[in-house]
C-alpha atoms as a PDB file:
ATOM      1  CA  MET A   1      18.388   5.977  19.776  1.00  0.00           C
ATOM      2  CA  SER A   2      20.349   2.815  19.516  1.00  0.00           C
ATOM      3  CA  THR A   3      19.740   0.154  16.978  1.00  0.00           C
ATOM      4  CA  GLY A   4      17.126  -2.374  18.203  1.00  0.00           C
ATOM      5  CA  THR A   5      15.748  -0.028  20.920  1.00  0.00           C
ATOM      6  CA  MET A   6      12.084   0.912  20.431  1.00  0.00           C
ATOM      7  CA  THR A   7       9.796   2.907  22.543  1.00  0.00           C
ATOM      8  CA  THR A   8       6.223   1.564  23.093  1.00  0.00           C
ATOM      9  CA  THR A   9       4.917   4.369  21.083  1.00  0.00           C
ATOM     10  CA  GLN A  10       7.222   3.571  18.209  1.00  0.00           C
ATOM     11  CA  HIS A  11       6.262  -0.050  18.400  1.00  0.00           C
ATOM     12  CA  SER A  12       2.604   0.832  18.469  1.00  0.00           C
ATOM     13  CA  ASN A  13       3.150   3.092  15.367  1.00  0.00           C
ATOM     14  CA  GLN A  14       4.989   0.329  13.523  1.00  0.00           C
ATOM     15  CA  LEU A  15       2.231  -2.203  14.190  1.00  0.00           C
ATOM     16  CA  LEU A  16      -0.490   0.470  13.212  1.00  0.00           C
ATOM     17  CA  GLU A  17       1.607   1.286  10.017  1.00  0.00           C
ATOM     18  CA  GLU A  18       1.797  -2.399   9.055  1.00  0.00           C
ATOM     19  CA  LEU A  19      -1.942  -2.969   9.757  1.00  0.00           C
ATOM     20  CA  VAL A  20      -2.894   0.024   7.641  1.00  0.00           C
ATOM     21  CA  ALA A  21      -0.418  -1.031   4.776  1.00  0.00           C
ATOM     22  CA  GLU A  22      -1.986  -4.586   4.828  1.00  0.00           C
ATOM     23  CA  GLU A  23      -5.339  -3.237   4.436  1.00  0.00           C
ATOM     24  CA  ILE A  24      -4.247  -0.855   1.602  1.00  0.00           C
ATOM     25  CA  SER A  25      -2.421  -3.882  -0.153  1.00  0.00           C
ATOM     26  CA  PHE A  26      -5.688  -5.924   0.091  1.00  0.00           C
ATOM     27  CA  GLN A  27      -7.766  -3.016  -1.464  1.00  0.00           C
ATOM     28  CA  ILE A  28      -5.076  -2.571  -4.238  1.00  0.00           C
ATOM     29  CA  ASP A  29      -5.147  -6.340  -5.113  1.00  0.00           C
ATOM     30  CA  GLN A  30      -8.918  -6.185  -5.323  1.00  0.00           C
ATOM     31  CA  ILE A  31      -8.658  -3.205  -7.714  1.00  0.00           C
ATOM     32  CA  ALA A  32      -6.046  -5.005  -9.788  1.00  0.00           C
ATOM     33  CA  GLU A  33      -7.925  -8.137 -10.045  1.00  0.00           C
ATOM     34  CA  ASP A  34     -11.124  -6.272 -11.118  1.00  0.00           C
ATOM     35  CA  LEU A  35      -9.202  -4.376 -13.851  1.00  0.00           C
ATOM     36  CA  GLN A  36      -7.528  -7.615 -15.107  1.00  0.00           C
ATOM     37  CA  ARG A  37     -10.917  -9.288 -15.342  1.00  0.00           C
ATOM     38  CA  GLU A  38     -11.940  -6.152 -17.297  1.00  0.00           C
ATOM     39  CA  GLY A  39      -8.936  -7.078 -19.745  1.00  0.00           C
ATOM     40  CA  TRP A  40      -6.205  -4.562 -18.651  1.00  0.00           C
ATOM     41  CA  PRO A  41      -2.832  -6.266 -18.699  1.00  0.00           C
ATOM     42  CA  ILE A  42      -0.978  -6.160 -15.466  1.00  0.00           C
ATOM     43  CA  ALA A  43       1.587  -3.791 -16.623  1.00  0.00           C
ATOM     44  CA  MET A  44      -1.172  -1.241 -17.456  1.00  0.00           C
ATOM     45  CA  VAL A  45      -2.675  -1.721 -14.127  1.00  0.00           C
ATOM     46  CA  LYS A  46       0.558  -1.109 -12.326  1.00  0.00           C
ATOM     47  CA  ARG A  47       0.995   2.195 -14.503  1.00  0.00           C
ATOM     48  CA  PHE A  48      -2.542   3.301 -13.463  1.00  0.00           C
ATOM     49  CA  MET A  49      -1.795   2.712  -9.741  1.00  0.00           C
ATOM     50  CA  HIS A  50       1.568   4.587  -9.990  1.00  0.00           C
ATOM     51  CA  VAL A  51       0.018   7.500 -11.572  1.00  0.00           C
ATOM     52  CA  ALA A  52      -2.795   7.527  -9.016  1.00  0.00           C
ATOM     53  CA  VAL A  53      -0.188   7.374  -6.310  1.00  0.00           C
ATOM     54  CA  GLU A  54       1.618  10.290  -7.868  1.00  0.00           C
ATOM     55  CA  ARG A  55      -1.448  12.413  -7.747  1.00  0.00           C
ATOM     56  CA  LEU A  56      -2.121  11.914  -4.054  1.00  0.00           C
ATOM     57  CA  PRO A  57      -2.090  15.398  -2.196  1.00  0.00           C
ATOM     58  CA  GLU A  58       0.875  16.113  -0.010  1.00  0.00           C
END
């Protein structure tokens, strides 16, 4: 496939990926805000999230 050429399916998949990523990002922001309100520093919040992602099943 040449650079810049995208099929309709690839374009749809990319849009879906961006939409889902945006929703996940929104949820992560909410979790981070909640943890910070509980007094956790952002560095720890990021570490918690990193560990959680590492534990996701394959």
